[in-house]
């Protein structure tokens, strides 16, 4: 199995954030709940900010070298995780739900945020230690997104 590069991992993160931003923007304004619409617009803005951070890290990635020091089982796990997530695939816009009610959209968003947290936690293993603080800050924001979505799901009106 070929090793995955830090740049590739970071590009996956950029794709995830792009997908999240698109989903939140597309769904904002559709719900009959102003609270849902407001939160989704705010989350879209934050996902766009995360994307920019990861794009900046991608630019530095060439200086990182490869990540060939990891056991093949770990890389296989990572590849399998990536292969099973729609938001890593090219043309991700086609995999996002087109029509959802508010509760389904909140469920989808909750899953998307949890998947992001899992991915970013694993990603920290591959990037230089000096970038871990940045990634940890994004993980904390994704957890905050999850909490906000959970609260809103309990009371969307």
Protein backbone atom coordinates (compact mmCIF):
# COMPACT_ATOMS: atom_id res chain seq x y z
CA UNK A 1 0.00 0.00 0.00
CA UNK A 2 1.37 3.42 -0.88
CA UNK A 3 1.77 5.89 1.91
CA UNK A 4 -0.51 8.85 2.14
CA UNK A 5 1.06 12.30 2.20
CA UNK A 6 0.27 15.05 4.65
CA UNK A 7 -0.83 17.17 1.68
CA UNK A 8 -3.39 14.53 0.69
CA UNK A 9 -4.74 14.35 4.23
CA UNK A 10 -5.07 18.11 4.35
CA UNK A 11 -6.81 18.14 0.97
CA UNK A 12 -9.36 15.71 2.41
CA UNK A 13 -9.92 18.20 5.23
CA UNK A 14 -10.39 21.04 2.72
CA UNK A 15 -12.97 18.92 0.90
CA UNK A 16 -14.80 18.15 4.14
CA UNK A 17 -15.03 21.81 5.06
CA UNK A 18 -16.15 22.74 1.55
CA UNK A 19 -18.90 20.11 1.75
CA UNK A 20 -20.00 21.31 5.18
CA UNK A 21 -20.11 24.92 4.05
CA UNK A 22 -22.17 24.01 0.98
CA UNK A 23 -24.60 21.91 2.99
CA UNK A 24 -25.16 24.63 5.60
CA UNK A 25 -25.54 27.38 2.97
CA UNK A 26 -27.91 25.29 0.86
CA UNK A 27 -30.12 24.40 3.81
CA UNK A 28 -30.10 27.85 5.44
CA UNK A 29 -33.26 29.64 4.46
CA UNK A 30 -35.16 26.46 3.65
CA UNK A 31 -36.23 25.62 7.17
CA UNK A 32 -39.31 27.28 8.65
CA UNK A 33 -37.24 27.86 11.81
CA UNK A 34 -35.35 31.15 11.93
CA UNK A 35 -33.11 29.64 14.64
CA UNK A 36 -32.09 26.78 12.31
CA UNK A 37 -31.49 29.14 9.41
CA UNK A 38 -29.38 31.51 11.53
CA UNK A 39 -27.27 28.70 12.96
CA UNK A 40 -26.72 27.12 9.55
CA UNK A 41 -25.54 30.44 8.09
CA UNK A 42 -23.13 30.91 11.00
CA UNK A 43 -21.84 27.36 10.65
CA UNK A 44 -21.35 27.85 6.88
CA UNK A 45 -19.20 30.89 7.64
CA UNK A 46 -17.13 28.94 10.19
CA UNK A 47 -16.67 25.98 7.84
CA UNK A 48 -15.38 28.41 5.18
CA UNK A 49 -12.88 29.76 7.73
CA UNK A 50 -11.73 26.21 8.54
CA UNK A 51 -11.28 25.53 4.83
CA UNK A 52 -8.96 28.54 4.53
CA UNK A 53 -6.89 27.35 7.47
CA UNK A 54 -6.48 23.90 5.93
CA UNK A 55 -5.65 25.43 2.55
CA UNK A 56 -2.86 27.36 4.25
CA UNK A 57 -1.56 24.14 5.81
CA UNK A 58 -1.68 22.43 2.39
CA UNK A 59 0.65 25.13 1.08
CA UNK A 60 3.16 24.24 3.80
CA UNK A 61 2.71 20.49 3.29
CA UNK A 62 5.51 20.11 0.74
CA UNK A 63 8.02 20.88 3.47
CA UNK A 64 6.57 18.16 5.72
CA UNK A 65 7.90 15.24 3.70
CA UNK A 66 5.95 12.01 3.53
CA UNK A 67 4.34 10.03 6.31
CA UNK A 68 5.98 6.72 5.44
CA UNK A 69 6.89 5.93 9.04
CA UNK A 70 3.43 4.70 9.97
CA UNK A 71 2.51 1.01 10.13
CA UNK A 72 0.64 -0.25 7.10
CA UNK A 73 -2.31 -1.30 9.30
CA UNK A 74 -2.73 2.27 10.48
CA UNK A 75 -2.61 3.62 6.95
CA UNK A 76 -5.08 0.93 5.86
CA UNK A 77 -7.46 1.99 8.64
CA UNK A 78 -7.11 5.61 7.56
CA UNK A 79 -7.73 4.79 3.88
CA UNK A 80 -10.79 2.69 4.78
CA UNK A 81 -12.20 5.52 6.86
CA UNK A 82 -11.69 7.98 4.01
CA UNK A 83 -13.10 5.60 1.39
CA UNK A 84 -16.34 5.20 3.35
CA UNK A 85 -17.14 8.89 3.72
CA UNK A 86 -19.07 10.63 0.98
CA UNK A 87 -17.57 14.03 1.63
CA UNK A 88 -14.11 12.85 0.51
CA UNK A 89 -15.32 11.91 -2.93
CA UNK A 90 -14.93 14.13 -5.96
CA UNK A 91 -18.20 15.78 -6.95
CA UNK A 92 -19.29 15.72 -3.33
CA UNK A 93 -22.11 18.13 -4.07
CA UNK A 94 -24.03 15.26 -5.64
CA UNK A 95 -23.82 13.16 -2.46
CA UNK A 96 -25.35 15.76 -0.16
CA UNK A 97 -29.06 15.37 0.51
CA UNK A 98 -31.13 17.57 -1.79
CA UNK A 99 -34.37 17.75 0.14
CA UNK A 100 -34.54 17.38 3.88
CA UNK A 101 -36.91 18.39 6.59
CA UNK A 102 -35.43 20.30 9.52
CA UNK A 103 -34.96 17.26 11.77
CA UNK A 104 -33.28 15.24 8.99
CA UNK A 105 -31.00 18.16 8.16
CA UNK A 106 -30.02 18.46 11.82
CA UNK A 107 -29.35 14.70 11.98
CA UNK A 108 -27.21 14.89 8.85
CA UNK A 109 -25.29 17.89 10.22
CA UNK A 110 -24.69 16.15 13.56
CA UNK A 111 -23.22 13.12 11.78
CA UNK A 112 -21.10 15.35 9.56
CA UNK A 113 -19.67 17.18 12.58
CA UNK A 114 -18.87 13.93 14.41
CA UNK A 115 -17.18 12.51 11.31
CA UNK A 116 -15.10 15.68 11.11
CA UNK A 117 -13.97 15.33 14.72
CA UNK A 118 -12.92 11.70 14.18
CA UNK A 119 -11.04 12.56 11.00
CA UNK A 120 -9.23 15.56 12.47
CA UNK A 121 -8.20 13.63 15.58
CA UNK A 122 -6.62 10.99 13.37
CA UNK A 123 -5.12 13.63 11.09
CA UNK A 124 -3.14 15.06 14.02
CA UNK A 125 -1.02 11.89 13.90
CA UNK A 126 0.26 12.77 10.44
CA UNK A 127 0.96 16.48 10.66
CA UNK A 128 3.90 18.14 12.39
CA UNK A 129 3.43 18.77 16.11
CA UNK A 130 3.54 22.53 15.58
CA UNK A 131 0.29 22.31 13.60
CA UNK A 132 -1.53 20.24 16.22
CA UNK A 133 -2.71 23.34 18.11
CA UNK A 134 -4.40 24.64 14.97
CA UNK A 135 -6.09 21.31 14.32
CA UNK A 136 -7.10 20.98 17.98
CA UNK A 137 -8.75 24.42 17.79
CA UNK A 138 -10.74 23.28 14.76
CA UNK A 139 -11.70 20.06 16.56
CA UNK A 140 -12.98 22.16 19.47
CA UNK A 141 -15.03 24.27 17.06
CA UNK A 142 -16.47 21.14 15.46
CA UNK A 143 -17.47 19.89 18.94
CA UNK A 144 -19.06 23.29 19.57
CA UNK A 145 -20.97 22.93 16.28
CA UNK A 146 -22.14 19.49 17.40
CA UNK A 147 -23.34 20.90 20.74
CA UNK A 148 -25.17 23.79 19.07
CA UNK A 149 -26.85 21.42 16.63
CA UNK A 150 -27.82 19.03 19.45
CA UNK A 151 -29.43 21.84 21.43
CA UNK A 152 -31.24 23.12 18.38
CA UNK A 153 -32.50 19.63 17.56
CA UNK A 154 -34.14 19.52 20.98
CA UNK A 155 -35.91 22.83 20.33
CA UNK A 156 -35.79 23.98 16.68
CA UNK A 157 -38.52 26.65 17.01
